Amino acid sequence: MPAPSQLTAPSSRGSPRTAHGASSGAIALDPTEFRAFHHLARYYGRVGRTPEMIQTYERAITTVPDEGRLHFFLGLLYEAENQRDRAIERYEKAIRLSPELAEAKNNLAALLADSGENLDQALDLAQEAKAQMPESPHAADTLGWVLYKRGIASAAISYLKESEAGHDLTSADIGIARFHLAKAYEVAGDPENARAALERALDGLEERKQSLKAQGAAEEADPEWAAEARTILATVKG
């Protein structure tokens, strides 16, 4: 699944400690002020306090229950914490309140596709997200993956190729698009292209690791798809 899409969040000025104090004060003065909750949640995110970040948005929902963006942000956080059911619940609420949130539709469709559940709903959501975000490689990947899950690999391939082409080559998300494309090629009876897509996915992952190492950045754990990609590649090569 592609990484969850995110809306642009308002920025906080000053040090994290200053931002925390200012945001807490704003909430005390006006508990319905969305931006103040958002600033406070961003502060917790910057200092790695995800539980408090989630609690802040949950608190915000009690006072601003009809703000779709709050439910969307919570969906992102719950998805990142692998709390799938809660993420689905928040994405669904976000879409009901704010149908313009294409990112919520895309992320919900991807979760449903990964689980193999409610694929009719997933297809509707993915098509709507693609129509609202026609240039998004994430939307193309999600729609292609849903079509693959529905057993229409031939139709999935064009969207998955579009997704791969739309990603920056240094993006962490291009690997999942290539993996999905390989799976579609495999089911469509095209092992040569499946093998090539898997090799691109794994080669790109290794290049990214080497680039991060050269920059002195912390090493990233392998994404979930990597182990399966290596297994499939060994099979098709054999």
Protein backbone atom coordinates (compact mmCIF):
# COMPACT_ATOMS: atom_id res chain seq x y z
CA MET A 1 0.00 0.00 0.00
CA PRO A 2 1.22 3.41 -0.70
CA ALA A 3 2.19 5.53 2.08
CA PRO A 4 -0.84 7.40 3.51
CA SER A 5 -1.52 10.70 1.67
CA GLN A 6 -1.39 13.80 3.88
CA LEU A 7 -2.94 17.24 3.79
CA THR A 8 -0.68 20.23 4.26
CA ALA A 9 -0.70 21.06 7.94
CA PRO A 10 -0.47 24.60 9.32
CA SER A 11 3.02 25.42 10.53
CA SER A 12 3.95 26.30 14.10
CA ARG A 13 6.39 29.12 14.82
CA GLY A 14 8.91 29.19 17.64
CA SER A 15 10.50 26.34 19.58
CA PRO A 16 8.49 23.18 20.35
CA ARG A 17 8.14 24.30 23.97
CA THR A 18 6.85 27.73 22.86
CA ALA A 19 4.46 26.16 20.39
CA HIS A 20 3.12 23.86 23.10
CA GLY A 21 2.42 26.73 25.47
CA ALA A 22 0.79 28.94 22.84
CA SER A 23 -1.40 26.15 21.50
CA SER A 24 -2.54 25.03 24.94
CA GLY A 25 -3.48 28.60 25.76
CA ALA A 26 -5.43 29.00 22.53
CA ILE A 27 -7.39 25.82 23.22
CA ALA A 28 -8.22 27.03 26.70
CA LEU A 29 -9.57 30.27 25.27
CA ASP A 30 -11.44 28.71 22.36
CA PRO A 31 -11.80 24.89 22.43
CA THR A 32 -13.40 24.91 18.97
CA GLU A 33 -10.31 26.41 17.32
CA PHE A 34 -9.09 23.72 14.91
CA ARG A 35 -5.71 25.33 14.21
CA ALA A 36 -4.76 25.42 17.90
CA PHE A 37 -5.41 21.69 18.27
CA HIS A 38 -3.41 21.09 15.13
CA HIS A 39 -0.44 23.11 16.40
CA LEU A 40 -0.44 21.18 19.67
CA ALA A 41 -0.64 17.84 17.87
CA ARG A 42 2.26 18.86 15.61
CA TYR A 43 4.31 19.68 18.69
CA TYR A 44 3.75 16.18 20.06
CA GLY A 45 4.61 14.73 16.66
CA ARG A 46 7.91 16.62 16.49
CA VAL A 47 9.01 15.31 19.88
CA GLY A 48 7.93 11.75 19.12
CA ARG A 49 4.97 11.60 21.48
CA THR A 50 2.49 9.87 19.18
CA PRO A 51 0.03 8.79 21.92
CA GLU A 52 -0.37 12.41 23.03
CA MET A 53 -0.72 13.45 19.39
CA ILE A 54 -3.60 11.00 18.98
CA GLN A 55 -5.13 12.11 22.27
CA THR A 56 -5.02 15.73 21.14
CA TYR A 57 -6.95 14.98 17.96
CA GLU A 58 -9.40 12.78 19.88
CA ARG A 59 -9.93 15.67 22.28
CA ALA A 60 -10.45 18.01 19.34
CA ILE A 61 -13.17 15.78 17.94
CA THR A 62 -15.19 16.10 21.14
CA THR A 63 -15.41 19.86 20.58
CA VAL A 64 -15.28 20.00 16.76
CA PRO A 65 -17.08 16.76 15.81
CA ASP A 66 -17.94 17.85 12.28
CA GLU A 67 -14.42 18.77 11.16
CA GLY A 68 -13.57 16.11 8.60
CA ARG A 69 -9.87 16.93 8.58
CA LEU A 70 -9.54 15.96 12.24
CA HIS A 71 -10.95 12.52 11.51
CA PHE A 72 -8.62 12.25 8.52
CA PHE A 73 -5.53 13.12 10.57
CA LEU A 74 -6.56 10.55 13.16
CA GLY A 75 -6.97 8.00 10.39
CA LEU A 76 -3.39 8.68 9.29
CA LEU A 77 -2.09 8.26 12.82
CA TYR A 78 -4.02 5.09 13.53
CA GLU A 79 -2.92 3.63 10.20
CA ALA A 80 0.71 4.46 11.00
CA GLU A 81 0.24 2.70 14.35
CA ASN A 82 -1.22 -0.37 12.56
CA GLN A 83 -4.60 0.16 14.20
CA ARG A 84 -6.46 -0.71 11.01
CA ASP A 85 -10.03 -0.80 12.32
CA ARG A 86 -9.71 2.59 13.98
CA ALA A 87 -8.11 4.05 10.85
CA ILE A 88 -10.99 2.77 8.72
CA GLU A 89 -13.52 4.22 11.14
CA ARG A 90 -11.88 7.66 11.01
CA TYR A 91 -11.45 7.67 7.24
CA GLU A 92 -15.11 6.75 6.79
CA LYS A 93 -16.19 9.56 9.10
CA ALA A 94 -13.88 12.02 7.33
CA ILE A 95 -15.41 11.13 3.97
CA ARG A 96 -18.97 11.49 5.27
CA LEU A 97 -18.20 14.93 6.68
CA SER A 98 -15.90 16.17 3.92
CA PRO A 99 -16.44 14.37 0.58
CA GLU A 100 -13.73 16.54 -0.97
CA LEU A 101 -11.03 14.71 1.03
CA ALA A 102 -9.74 12.55 -1.79
CA GLU A 103 -6.78 11.42 0.31
CA ALA A 104 -9.14 9.83 2.84
CA LYS A 105 -10.93 7.97 0.03
CA ASN A 106 -7.62 6.77 -1.38
CA ASN A 107 -6.29 5.57 1.97
CA LEU A 108 -9.53 3.81 2.87
CA ALA A 109 -9.66 2.10 -0.52
CA ALA A 110 -6.08 0.90 -0.07
CA LEU A 111 -6.79 -0.52 3.39
CA LEU A 112 -9.84 -2.37 2.09
CA ALA A 113 -7.88 -3.70 -0.90
CA ASP A 114 -5.05 -4.94 1.30
CA SER A 115 -7.53 -6.85 3.44
CA GLY A 116 -9.54 -8.11 0.47
CA GLU A 117 -12.72 -6.85 2.13
CA ASN A 118 -15.54 -4.79 0.61
CA LEU A 119 -13.85 -4.62 -2.77
CA ASP A 120 -16.89 -3.05 -4.43
CA GLN A 121 -16.68 -0.18 -1.95
CA ALA A 122 -12.92 -0.04 -2.41
CA LEU A 123 -13.31 0.28 -6.17
CA ASP A 124 -15.83 3.10 -5.87
CA LEU A 125 -13.56 4.97 -3.46
CA ALA A 126 -10.46 4.42 -5.57
CA GLN A 127 -12.20 5.65 -8.72
CA GLU A 128 -13.44 8.76 -6.92
CA ALA A 129 -9.98 9.45 -5.51
CA LYS A 130 -8.40 9.03 -8.95
CA ALA A 131 -10.93 11.41 -10.49
CA GLN A 132 -10.21 14.01 -7.79
CA MET A 133 -6.43 13.50 -7.95
CA PRO A 134 -5.78 12.56 -11.58
CA GLU A 135 -2.02 13.22 -11.39
CA SER A 136 -1.42 11.38 -8.12
CA PRO A 137 0.75 8.25 -8.40
CA HIS A 138 -0.74 7.09 -5.10
CA ALA A 139 -4.27 7.24 -6.51
CA ALA A 140 -3.15 5.35 -9.62
CA ASP A 141 -1.48 2.69 -7.47
CA THR A 142 -4.55 2.26 -5.27
CA LEU A 143 -6.92 1.94 -8.22
CA GLY A 144 -4.61 -0.54 -9.91
CA TRP A 145 -4.26 -2.58 -6.71
CA VAL A 146 -8.02 -2.69 -6.19
CA LEU A 147 -8.51 -3.91 -9.76
CA TYR A 148 -5.84 -6.56 -9.19
CA LYS A 149 -7.59 -7.69 -6.01
CA ARG A 150 -10.85 -7.93 -7.95
CA GLY A 151 -9.18 -10.30 -10.41
CA ILE A 152 -8.82 -7.82 -13.27
CA ALA A 153 -5.04 -7.83 -13.57
CA SER A 154 -5.04 -6.74 -17.22
CA ALA A 155 -6.89 -3.53 -16.31
CA ALA A 156 -4.71 -3.00 -13.24
CA ILE A 157 -1.44 -2.97 -15.19
CA SER A 158 -1.97 0.37 -16.93
CA TYR A 159 -2.72 2.16 -13.65
CA LEU A 160 0.22 0.54 -11.89
CA LYS A 161 2.56 1.50 -14.73
CA GLU A 162 1.21 5.04 -14.44
CA SER A 163 1.94 4.99 -10.72
CA GLU A 164 5.52 3.84 -11.20
CA ALA A 165 6.13 6.50 -13.86
CA GLY A 166 4.61 9.20 -11.66
CA HIS A 167 6.85 8.63 -8.64
CA ASP A 168 10.19 10.30 -8.17
CA LEU A 169 12.89 7.65 -8.48
CA THR A 170 14.13 8.47 -4.97
CA SER A 171 10.68 8.11 -3.41
CA ALA A 172 10.21 5.43 -0.77
CA ASP A 173 6.80 4.72 -2.33
CA ILE A 174 7.95 3.71 -5.81
CA GLY A 175 8.88 0.26 -4.53
CA ILE A 176 5.33 -0.70 -3.57
CA ALA A 177 4.07 0.49 -6.96
CA ARG A 178 6.63 -1.71 -8.69
CA PHE A 179 5.76 -4.65 -6.44
CA HIS A 180 2.05 -4.26 -7.19
CA LEU A 181 2.87 -4.04 -10.89
CA ALA A 182 4.90 -7.26 -10.69
CA LYS A 183 2.00 -9.05 -9.01
CA ALA A 184 -0.35 -7.90 -11.76
CA TYR A 185 2.05 -9.02 -14.50
CA GLU A 186 2.45 -12.39 -12.77
CA VAL A 187 -1.31 -13.03 -12.68
CA ALA A 188 -1.69 -11.76 -16.24
CA GLY A 189 0.75 -14.46 -17.41
CA ASP A 190 3.71 -12.18 -18.14
CA PRO A 191 6.59 -13.55 -16.02
CA GLU A 192 9.26 -11.58 -17.88
CA ASN A 193 7.76 -8.21 -17.04
CA ALA A 194 6.92 -9.46 -13.53
CA ARG A 195 10.58 -10.32 -12.98
CA ALA A 196 11.75 -6.98 -14.35
CA ALA A 197 9.36 -5.05 -12.08
CA LEU A 198 10.51 -7.02 -9.03
CA GLU A 199 14.15 -6.36 -9.88
CA ARG A 200 13.44 -2.64 -10.22
CA ALA A 201 11.66 -2.66 -6.86
CA LEU A 202 14.46 -4.43 -5.01
CA ASP A 203 17.27 -2.57 -6.80
CA GLY A 204 15.58 0.72 -5.96
CA LEU A 205 15.23 -0.33 -2.32
CA GLU A 206 18.94 -1.12 -2.14
CA GLU A 207 19.86 2.17 -3.81
CA ARG A 208 17.74 4.04 -1.28
CA LYS A 209 19.48 2.26 1.59
CA GLN A 210 22.88 3.14 0.20
CA SER A 211 21.84 6.77 -0.30
CA LEU A 212 20.59 7.07 3.28
CA LYS A 213 23.80 5.47 4.56
CA ALA A 214 25.89 7.93 2.56
CA GLN A 215 23.92 10.79 4.09
CA GLY A 216 24.46 9.46 7.58
CA ALA A 217 20.75 8.90 8.07
CA ALA A 218 19.30 6.10 10.17
CA GLU A 219 18.77 2.87 8.30
CA GLU A 220 15.15 2.13 7.41
CA ALA A 221 13.58 -1.26 8.06
CA ASP A 222 12.59 -3.18 4.95
CA PRO A 223 9.02 -2.46 3.87
CA GLU A 224 6.53 -5.31 4.22
CA TRP A 225 6.52 -6.11 0.51
CA ALA A 226 10.28 -6.69 0.27
CA ALA A 227 10.39 -10.24 1.67
CA GLU A 228 7.58 -11.42 -0.60
CA ALA A 229 9.23 -9.71 -3.57
CA ARG A 230 12.48 -11.60 -2.95
CA THR A 231 10.60 -14.90 -2.64
CA ILE A 232 8.65 -14.35 -5.86
CA LEU A 233 11.78 -13.23 -7.71
CA ALA A 234 13.62 -16.38 -6.68
CA THR A 235 10.66 -18.42 -7.97
CA VAL A 236 10.37 -16.73 -11.35
CA LYS A 237 14.15 -16.84 -11.83
CA GLY A 238 14.19 -20.49 -10.98
